[in-house]
N, C-alpha and C. Protein backbone atom coordinates (compact mmCIF):
# COMPACT_ATOMS: atom_id res chain seq x y z
N MET A 1 0.72 -1.27 0.12
CA MET A 1 0.06 0.04 0.03
C MET A 1 0.83 1.22 0.09
N GLU A 2 0.65 2.37 -0.78
CA GLU A 2 1.38 3.49 -0.97
C GLU A 2 1.07 4.20 0.17
N ILE A 3 1.88 5.13 0.64
CA ILE A 3 1.64 6.10 1.70
C ILE A 3 0.44 7.08 1.59
N ARG A 4 0.07 7.53 0.63
CA ARG A 4 -1.10 8.26 0.43
C ARG A 4 -2.37 7.37 0.82
N GLU A 5 -2.35 6.35 0.31
CA GLU A 5 -3.49 5.34 0.42
C GLU A 5 -3.74 4.87 2.17
N TYR A 6 -2.44 4.77 2.64
CA TYR A 6 -2.39 4.56 4.09
C TYR A 6 -2.90 5.65 4.90
N ILE A 7 -2.47 6.91 4.50
CA ILE A 7 -2.80 8.01 5.27
C ILE A 7 -4.28 8.37 5.04
N ALA A 8 -4.86 8.03 3.94
CA ALA A 8 -6.27 8.33 3.60
C ALA A 8 -7.11 7.29 4.54
N LYS A 9 -6.64 6.03 4.69
CA LYS A 9 -7.33 5.13 5.53
C LYS A 9 -7.36 5.54 6.88
N ILE A 10 -6.18 6.17 7.40
CA ILE A 10 -6.19 6.67 8.74
C ILE A 10 -7.06 7.88 9.10
N PHE A 11 -7.15 8.64 7.88
CA PHE A 11 -8.03 10.01 8.08
C PHE A 11 -9.42 9.41 8.08
N GLN A 12 -9.87 8.52 7.43
CA GLN A 12 -11.25 8.07 7.38
C GLN A 12 -11.45 7.62 8.70
N THR A 13 -10.65 6.76 9.31
CA THR A 13 -10.82 6.03 10.73
C THR A 13 -10.98 7.17 11.71
N ASN A 14 -9.90 8.12 11.73
CA ASN A 14 -9.79 9.14 12.75
C ASN A 14 -11.04 10.06 12.67
N HIS A 15 -11.29 10.51 11.50
CA HIS A 15 -12.52 11.43 11.27
C HIS A 15 -13.74 10.98 11.43
N GLY A 16 -13.98 9.61 11.29
CA GLY A 16 -15.21 9.03 11.69
C GLY A 16 -15.40 8.69 12.99
N VAL A 17 -14.33 8.47 13.90
CA VAL A 17 -14.44 8.49 15.16
C VAL A 17 -14.60 9.68 15.92
N ILE A 18 -13.85 10.71 15.55
CA ILE A 18 -14.09 12.06 16.22
C ILE A 18 -15.49 12.59 15.90
N LYS A 19 -16.10 12.29 14.65
CA LYS A 19 -17.36 12.77 14.39
C LYS A 19 -18.34 12.17 15.46
N ARG A 20 -18.20 10.73 15.61
CA ARG A 20 -19.31 9.97 16.32
C ARG A 20 -18.97 10.57 17.78
N LEU A 21 -17.66 10.92 18.28
CA LEU A 21 -17.67 11.46 19.48
C LEU A 21 -18.22 12.60 19.79
N LEU A 22 -18.30 13.58 18.80
CA LEU A 22 -18.59 14.94 18.90
C LEU A 22 -20.25 15.24 18.65
N ASP A 23 -20.71 14.39 17.56
CA ASP A 23 -21.89 14.69 17.35
C ASP A 23 -23.13 14.99 18.13
N ASP A 24 -23.07 14.24 19.20
CA ASP A 24 -24.26 14.19 20.28
C ASP A 24 -23.95 14.91 21.57
N VAL A 25 -22.62 15.47 21.63
CA VAL A 25 -22.34 16.28 22.80
C VAL A 25 -23.17 17.73 22.97
N PRO A 26 -23.93 17.75 24.05
CA PRO A 26 -24.67 19.01 24.25
C PRO A 26 -23.65 20.16 24.38
N GLU A 27 -24.14 21.32 24.02
CA GLU A 27 -23.10 22.62 24.10
C GLU A 27 -22.75 22.90 25.54
N GLU A 28 -23.69 22.70 26.46
CA GLU A 28 -23.28 22.96 27.90
C GLU A 28 -22.36 21.88 28.45
N THR A 29 -22.31 20.61 28.11
CA THR A 29 -21.40 19.67 28.28
C THR A 29 -19.99 19.78 27.75
N SER A 30 -20.07 20.46 26.59
CA SER A 30 -18.81 20.71 25.85
C SER A 30 -17.78 21.52 26.75
N LEU A 31 -18.39 22.33 27.64
CA LEU A 31 -17.51 23.25 28.49
C LEU A 31 -17.15 22.50 29.81
N GLU A 32 -17.60 21.71 30.18
CA GLU A 32 -17.44 20.91 31.53
C GLU A 32 -15.70 20.51 31.49
N ARG A 33 -15.18 20.92 32.61
CA ARG A 33 -13.79 20.40 32.89
C ARG A 33 -13.53 19.32 33.81
N PHE A 34 -14.45 19.02 34.73
CA PHE A 34 -14.40 18.11 35.75
C PHE A 34 -13.17 18.01 36.57
N GLY A 35 -12.58 19.19 36.65
CA GLY A 35 -11.27 19.27 37.29
C GLY A 35 -10.49 20.52 36.88
N HIS A 36 -9.55 21.18 37.71
CA HIS A 36 -8.76 22.26 37.25
C HIS A 36 -7.94 22.08 36.09
N GLU A 37 -7.45 20.78 35.88
CA GLU A 37 -6.32 20.67 34.88
C GLU A 37 -6.89 20.08 33.37
N ILE A 38 -8.11 19.69 33.40
CA ILE A 38 -8.78 18.98 32.36
C ILE A 38 -9.08 20.04 31.29
N ASN A 39 -8.71 19.88 30.06
CA ASN A 39 -9.29 20.79 29.13
C ASN A 39 -10.52 20.12 28.53
N HIS A 40 -11.57 21.10 28.42
CA HIS A 40 -12.95 20.58 27.88
C HIS A 40 -12.88 20.18 26.44
N ILE A 41 -14.12 19.64 26.21
CA ILE A 41 -14.48 19.01 24.80
C ILE A 41 -14.11 20.20 23.92
N ARG A 42 -14.60 21.42 23.85
CA ARG A 42 -14.36 22.45 23.03
C ARG A 42 -12.83 22.61 22.81
N TRP A 43 -12.01 22.68 23.78
CA TRP A 43 -10.75 22.82 23.72
C TRP A 43 -10.08 21.64 22.84
N GLN A 44 -10.58 20.48 23.23
CA GLN A 44 -9.95 19.13 22.60
C GLN A 44 -10.28 19.22 21.04
N ALA A 45 -11.60 19.66 20.80
CA ALA A 45 -12.07 19.58 19.17
C ALA A 45 -11.35 20.84 18.67
N GLY A 46 -11.15 21.84 19.13
CA GLY A 46 -10.44 23.11 18.60
C GLY A 46 -8.97 22.65 18.33
N HIS A 47 -8.49 22.11 19.35
CA HIS A 47 -7.04 21.63 19.10
C HIS A 47 -6.83 20.66 17.97
N ILE A 48 -7.84 19.85 18.04
CA ILE A 48 -7.70 18.85 16.78
C ILE A 48 -7.73 19.64 15.36
N ALA A 49 -8.68 20.61 15.49
CA ALA A 49 -8.82 21.47 14.08
C ALA A 49 -7.55 22.04 13.94
N GLY A 50 -6.85 22.70 14.84
CA GLY A 50 -5.77 23.41 14.47
C GLY A 50 -4.47 22.46 14.14
N SER A 51 -4.50 21.17 14.63
CA SER A 51 -3.58 20.22 14.20
C SER A 51 -4.03 19.70 12.75
N ALA A 52 -5.07 19.75 12.27
CA ALA A 52 -5.76 19.33 11.17
C ALA A 52 -5.13 20.49 9.94
N THR A 53 -5.19 21.63 10.39
CA THR A 53 -4.85 22.67 9.48
C THR A 53 -3.44 22.70 9.12
N LEU A 54 -2.63 22.28 10.14
CA LEU A 54 -1.10 21.95 9.93
C LEU A 54 -0.90 20.82 8.82
N MET A 55 -1.66 19.73 9.07
CA MET A 55 -1.62 18.61 8.08
C MET A 55 -1.99 19.08 6.66
N LEU A 56 -3.07 19.83 6.61
CA LEU A 56 -3.50 20.54 5.36
C LEU A 56 -2.31 21.49 4.85
N SER A 57 -1.62 22.08 5.55
CA SER A 57 -0.77 22.97 5.02
C SER A 57 0.58 22.06 4.51
N LEU A 58 0.58 20.92 5.03
CA LEU A 58 1.72 20.25 4.53
C LEU A 58 1.39 19.51 3.18
N MET A 59 0.36 19.72 2.76
CA MET A 59 -0.08 19.18 1.49
C MET A 59 -0.45 20.56 0.51
N ASP A 60 0.20 21.72 1.00
CA ASP A 60 0.14 22.87 0.34
C ASP A 60 -1.30 23.46 0.11
N GLU A 61 -2.18 23.27 1.23
CA GLU A 61 -3.50 23.89 1.14
C GLU A 61 -3.56 24.54 2.60
N ASN A 62 -4.13 25.76 2.53
CA ASN A 62 -4.37 26.55 3.75
C ASN A 62 -5.83 26.47 3.98
N TYR A 63 -6.01 26.66 5.48
CA TYR A 63 -7.43 26.85 6.08
C TYR A 63 -7.18 27.72 7.23
N ASP A 64 -7.79 28.81 7.09
CA ASP A 64 -7.73 29.78 8.30
C ASP A 64 -8.80 29.61 9.27
N LEU A 65 -8.55 29.26 10.47
CA LEU A 65 -9.40 29.25 11.64
C LEU A 65 -9.46 30.65 12.06
N PRO A 66 -10.69 30.91 12.70
CA PRO A 66 -10.91 32.20 13.33
C PRO A 66 -9.58 32.71 13.96
N GLU A 67 -9.60 34.06 13.78
CA GLU A 67 -8.43 34.73 14.30
C GLU A 67 -8.02 34.58 15.88
N ASN A 68 -9.12 34.46 16.74
CA ASN A 68 -8.92 34.20 18.10
C ASN A 68 -8.49 32.70 18.60
N TRP A 69 -8.65 31.81 17.67
CA TRP A 69 -8.43 30.50 18.04
C TRP A 69 -7.06 30.04 18.54
N PRO A 70 -5.91 30.50 17.80
CA PRO A 70 -4.66 29.86 18.24
C PRO A 70 -4.35 30.40 19.82
N VAL A 71 -4.96 31.34 20.21
CA VAL A 71 -4.73 31.80 21.67
C VAL A 71 -5.63 30.69 22.51
N LEU A 72 -6.63 30.35 22.07
CA LEU A 72 -7.47 29.51 22.91
C LEU A 72 -7.08 27.88 22.69
N ILE A 73 -6.65 27.60 21.65
CA ILE A 73 -6.43 26.03 21.52
C ILE A 73 -4.94 25.74 21.29
N GLY A 74 -3.90 26.72 21.25
CA GLY A 74 -2.57 26.40 20.92
C GLY A 74 -2.03 25.79 22.10
N ARG A 75 -1.06 24.93 21.75
CA ARG A 75 -0.13 24.12 22.59
C ARG A 75 0.77 25.15 23.41
N GLY A 76 0.42 24.78 24.84
CA GLY A 76 1.36 25.74 25.83
C GLY A 76 0.51 26.98 26.19
N GLU A 77 -0.56 27.32 25.53
CA GLU A 77 -1.24 28.48 25.81
C GLU A 77 -2.05 28.32 27.07
N LYS A 78 -2.22 29.52 27.94
CA LYS A 78 -2.81 29.53 29.25
C LYS A 78 -4.38 29.23 28.85
N PHE A 79 -5.00 28.24 29.56
CA PHE A 79 -6.28 27.92 29.44
C PHE A 79 -7.37 29.28 29.66
N GLU A 80 -8.29 29.33 28.89
CA GLU A 80 -9.23 30.48 29.01
C GLU A 80 -10.26 30.02 29.76
N PRO A 81 -10.60 30.28 31.19
CA PRO A 81 -11.79 29.75 31.71
C PRO A 81 -13.18 30.38 31.60
N ASP A 82 -13.16 31.64 30.90
CA ASP A 82 -14.37 32.04 30.53
C ASP A 82 -15.17 31.54 29.47
N PRO A 83 -16.33 30.94 29.75
CA PRO A 83 -17.19 30.11 28.65
C PRO A 83 -17.48 31.19 27.60
N GLN A 84 -17.63 32.64 27.74
CA GLN A 84 -18.07 33.49 26.86
C GLN A 84 -16.87 33.77 25.69
N ALA A 85 -15.59 33.29 26.03
CA ALA A 85 -14.53 33.53 25.26
C ALA A 85 -14.44 32.44 24.21
N TRP A 86 -15.23 31.30 24.46
CA TRP A 86 -15.36 29.94 23.55
C TRP A 86 -16.20 30.18 22.54
N PRO A 87 -15.73 29.75 21.22
CA PRO A 87 -16.83 29.54 20.26
C PRO A 87 -17.63 28.34 20.62
N SER A 88 -18.84 28.35 20.05
CA SER A 88 -19.69 27.17 20.20
C SER A 88 -19.28 25.81 19.69
N LEU A 89 -19.50 24.84 20.29
CA LEU A 89 -19.16 23.41 19.83
C LEU A 89 -19.73 23.30 18.42
N ALA A 90 -20.72 23.72 18.06
CA ALA A 90 -21.17 23.81 16.64
C ALA A 90 -20.30 24.64 15.74
N GLU A 91 -19.85 25.61 16.06
CA GLU A 91 -18.82 26.24 15.24
C GLU A 91 -17.52 25.52 15.06
N ILE A 92 -17.22 25.08 16.20
CA ILE A 92 -15.94 24.28 16.18
C ILE A 92 -16.08 22.90 15.25
N LYS A 93 -17.16 22.45 15.45
CA LYS A 93 -17.54 21.15 14.58
C LYS A 93 -17.49 21.47 13.06
N ASN A 94 -18.08 22.63 12.75
CA ASN A 94 -18.41 23.13 11.47
C ASN A 94 -16.96 23.31 10.86
N HIS A 95 -16.05 23.96 11.52
CA HIS A 95 -14.72 24.16 10.84
C HIS A 95 -13.87 22.79 10.70
N LEU A 96 -14.11 21.99 11.89
CA LEU A 96 -13.37 20.77 11.95
C LEU A 96 -13.70 19.72 10.99
N TYR A 97 -15.03 19.58 10.61
CA TYR A 97 -15.47 18.68 9.52
C TYR A 97 -15.12 19.36 8.24
N LYS A 98 -15.15 20.60 8.00
CA LYS A 98 -14.70 21.20 6.59
C LYS A 98 -13.08 20.71 6.44
N ILE A 99 -12.36 20.99 7.27
CA ILE A 99 -10.88 20.90 7.27
C ILE A 99 -10.72 19.27 7.04
N HIS A 100 -11.37 18.33 7.73
CA HIS A 100 -11.28 16.91 7.73
C HIS A 100 -11.64 16.58 6.22
N GLY A 101 -12.72 17.13 5.63
CA GLY A 101 -13.11 16.74 4.20
C GLY A 101 -12.07 17.16 3.23
N ARG A 102 -11.45 18.23 3.33
CA ARG A 102 -10.35 18.75 2.66
C ARG A 102 -9.15 17.90 2.75
N LEU A 103 -8.73 17.54 3.97
CA LEU A 103 -7.91 16.51 4.01
C LEU A 103 -8.03 15.25 3.28
N GLU A 104 -9.20 14.77 3.48
CA GLU A 104 -9.51 13.52 2.68
C GLU A 104 -9.56 13.80 1.23
N ASP A 105 -9.86 14.81 0.69
CA ASP A 105 -9.75 15.09 -0.65
C ASP A 105 -8.40 15.20 -1.10
N ARG A 106 -7.68 16.10 -0.30
CA ARG A 106 -6.31 16.50 -0.82
C ARG A 106 -5.23 15.34 -0.82
N ILE A 107 -5.20 14.46 0.21
CA ILE A 107 -4.29 13.41 0.29
C ILE A 107 -3.96 12.63 -1.12
N SER A 108 -5.08 12.42 -1.74
CA SER A 108 -4.95 11.56 -3.10
C SER A 108 -4.51 12.51 -4.27
N GLN A 109 -4.49 13.77 -4.09
CA GLN A 109 -3.92 14.72 -5.16
C GLN A 109 -2.46 15.16 -4.76
N VAL A 110 -1.84 15.12 -3.75
CA VAL A 110 -0.56 15.60 -3.30
C VAL A 110 0.53 14.72 -4.07
N GLU A 111 1.60 15.30 -4.51
CA GLU A 111 2.60 14.50 -5.17
C GLU A 111 3.41 13.69 -4.25
N LEU A 112 3.66 12.40 -4.49
CA LEU A 112 4.15 11.53 -3.66
C LEU A 112 5.58 12.04 -3.19
N GLU A 113 6.37 12.62 -4.23
CA GLU A 113 7.66 13.06 -3.94
C GLU A 113 7.57 14.54 -2.72
N LYS A 114 6.46 15.28 -2.99
CA LYS A 114 6.36 16.13 -2.06
C LYS A 114 6.18 15.86 -0.42
N LEU A 115 5.31 14.64 -0.44
CA LEU A 115 5.01 13.93 0.75
C LEU A 115 6.27 13.51 1.58
N GLU A 116 7.16 12.94 0.64
CA GLU A 116 8.29 12.12 1.07
C GLU A 116 9.61 12.86 1.29
N THR A 117 9.54 14.22 0.75
CA THR A 117 10.88 15.16 0.96
C THR A 117 10.88 15.80 2.36
N GLU A 118 12.04 15.45 3.01
CA GLU A 118 12.06 16.19 4.32
C GLU A 118 12.34 17.55 4.14
N ARG A 119 11.56 18.33 5.08
CA ARG A 119 11.72 19.94 5.04
C ARG A 119 11.22 20.42 6.50
N GLN A 120 11.38 21.63 6.52
CA GLN A 120 10.99 22.00 7.91
C GLN A 120 9.43 22.13 8.03
N VAL A 121 9.02 21.47 8.98
CA VAL A 121 7.61 21.49 9.29
C VAL A 121 7.05 22.53 10.19
N LEU A 122 7.76 22.69 11.20
CA LEU A 122 7.70 23.79 12.28
C LEU A 122 9.06 24.12 12.63
N PRO A 123 9.25 25.38 13.26
CA PRO A 123 10.55 25.58 13.83
C PRO A 123 11.14 24.39 14.78
N GLU A 124 12.24 24.09 14.46
CA GLU A 124 12.91 22.87 15.25
C GLU A 124 12.27 21.56 15.15
N TRP A 125 11.37 21.51 13.93
CA TRP A 125 11.02 20.25 13.45
C TRP A 125 11.00 20.07 12.01
N ASN A 126 12.03 19.04 11.73
CA ASN A 126 12.21 18.83 10.25
C ASN A 126 12.07 17.31 10.00
N THR A 127 11.17 17.02 9.04
CA THR A 127 10.83 15.69 8.77
C THR A 127 10.17 15.78 7.42
N SER A 128 9.80 14.62 6.81
CA SER A 128 8.92 14.58 5.75
C SER A 128 7.44 14.98 6.09
N PRO A 129 6.79 15.70 5.12
CA PRO A 129 5.32 15.82 5.48
C PRO A 129 4.55 14.52 5.86
N ALA A 130 4.84 13.45 5.09
CA ALA A 130 4.23 12.09 5.45
C ALA A 130 4.46 11.88 6.84
N GLN A 131 5.58 11.92 7.25
CA GLN A 131 5.94 11.35 8.81
C GLN A 131 5.23 12.44 9.67
N ALA A 132 5.28 13.77 9.57
CA ALA A 132 4.53 14.67 10.36
C ALA A 132 3.11 14.39 10.34
N ILE A 133 2.45 14.08 9.05
CA ILE A 133 1.15 13.95 9.08
C ILE A 133 0.62 12.68 9.96
N LEU A 134 1.40 11.56 9.75
CA LEU A 134 1.31 10.24 10.65
C LEU A 134 1.39 10.70 12.14
N PHE A 135 2.22 11.44 12.54
CA PHE A 135 2.46 11.71 13.83
C PHE A 135 1.25 12.55 14.27
N LEU A 136 0.88 13.40 13.38
CA LEU A 136 -0.57 14.40 13.82
C LEU A 136 -1.53 13.45 13.84
N CYS A 137 -1.77 12.58 12.95
CA CYS A 137 -2.83 11.47 13.07
C CYS A 137 -2.90 10.78 14.35
N ASP A 138 -1.73 10.42 14.95
CA ASP A 138 -1.69 9.77 16.25
C ASP A 138 -2.01 10.92 17.28
N HIS A 139 -1.57 12.14 17.08
CA HIS A 139 -2.03 13.16 17.96
C HIS A 139 -3.50 13.43 18.02
N GLU A 140 -4.12 13.42 16.95
CA GLU A 140 -5.44 13.45 16.82
C GLU A 140 -6.23 12.50 17.46
N PHE A 141 -5.72 11.18 17.28
CA PHE A 141 -6.49 10.27 18.04
C PHE A 141 -6.14 10.23 19.56
N TYR A 142 -5.05 10.67 19.93
CA TYR A 142 -4.73 10.85 21.50
C TYR A 142 -6.06 11.95 21.97
N HIS A 143 -6.16 13.01 21.28
CA HIS A 143 -7.13 13.80 21.72
C HIS A 143 -8.63 13.45 21.58
N ALA A 144 -8.91 12.46 20.69
CA ALA A 144 -10.18 11.71 20.62
C ALA A 144 -10.41 10.84 21.91
N GLY A 145 -9.31 10.33 22.39
CA GLY A 145 -9.46 9.49 23.55
C GLY A 145 -9.68 10.52 24.74
N GLN A 146 -9.17 11.59 24.65
CA GLN A 146 -9.50 12.61 25.74
C GLN A 146 -10.81 13.01 25.79
N ILE A 147 -11.50 13.15 24.52
CA ILE A 147 -12.96 13.44 24.41
C ILE A 147 -13.81 12.34 24.80
N MET A 148 -13.29 11.05 24.48
CA MET A 148 -13.97 9.88 25.06
C MET A 148 -14.20 9.72 26.47
N LEU A 149 -13.02 10.13 27.16
CA LEU A 149 -12.88 10.21 28.65
C LEU A 149 -13.81 11.16 29.09
N LEU A 150 -13.89 12.40 28.54
CA LEU A 150 -14.88 13.59 29.21
C LEU A 150 -16.28 13.18 28.94
N ARG A 151 -16.58 12.43 27.71
CA ARG A 151 -17.87 12.00 27.51
C ARG A 151 -18.35 11.10 28.66
N ARG A 152 -17.44 10.04 28.95
CA ARG A 152 -17.75 9.16 30.17
C ARG A 152 -17.95 9.85 31.26
N MET A 153 -17.26 10.80 31.65
CA MET A 153 -17.23 11.62 33.01
C MET A 153 -18.63 12.34 32.89
N ALA A 154 -19.05 12.70 31.66
CA ALA A 154 -20.37 13.45 31.70
C ALA A 154 -21.57 12.72 31.49
N GLY A 155 -21.32 11.27 31.63
CA GLY A 155 -22.39 10.35 31.67
C GLY A 155 -23.10 10.05 30.21
N LEU A 156 -22.34 10.53 29.17
CA LEU A 156 -22.75 10.44 27.82
C LEU A 156 -22.57 8.86 27.48
N PRO A 157 -23.32 8.30 26.47
CA PRO A 157 -23.10 6.93 26.10
C PRO A 157 -21.93 6.59 25.17
N ASN A 158 -21.42 5.41 25.29
CA ASN A 158 -20.02 5.04 24.60
C ASN A 158 -20.49 4.88 23.15
N VAL A 159 -19.90 5.55 22.27
CA VAL A 159 -20.21 5.67 20.87
C VAL A 159 -19.27 4.82 19.95
N ILE A 160 -18.16 4.21 20.70
CA ILE A 160 -17.29 3.45 20.11
C ILE A 160 -16.91 1.98 20.80
N GLY A 161 -17.19 0.91 20.11
CA GLY A 161 -16.80 -0.39 20.59
C GLY A 161 -17.97 -0.88 21.41
């Protein structure tokens, strides 16, 4: 199996799982933290969207998230406790599902050589786009697991397995 096909299958799996995990979460539940150090479902979903934009950029396509999102969802950013500062879960899902659709479309179109040629992905991160995308797919699934845990804490039904 060629790397583009392999990544496409991972995209389909991850994106399907994430959609099932998010689709029935009530807006108010999406802000529950269940403790001081736990990022809520909106943060998790927004962070997944941010990582997905990086994957898309590695295939030479851009998607601009709303201007204030990087401060809310970026790695290492201070958590924003004010619920009014957060976009609705519906808005986050809208952006996330659009980005996921574009990833699924784009992977079959990107040149194989472009995916396999090492380059600077981020400052201090040099690797091939394919390797970076595979890492980010793992990262995406890690956060899907966080969403599953938050769902269980909220008493929502298990939607996987």
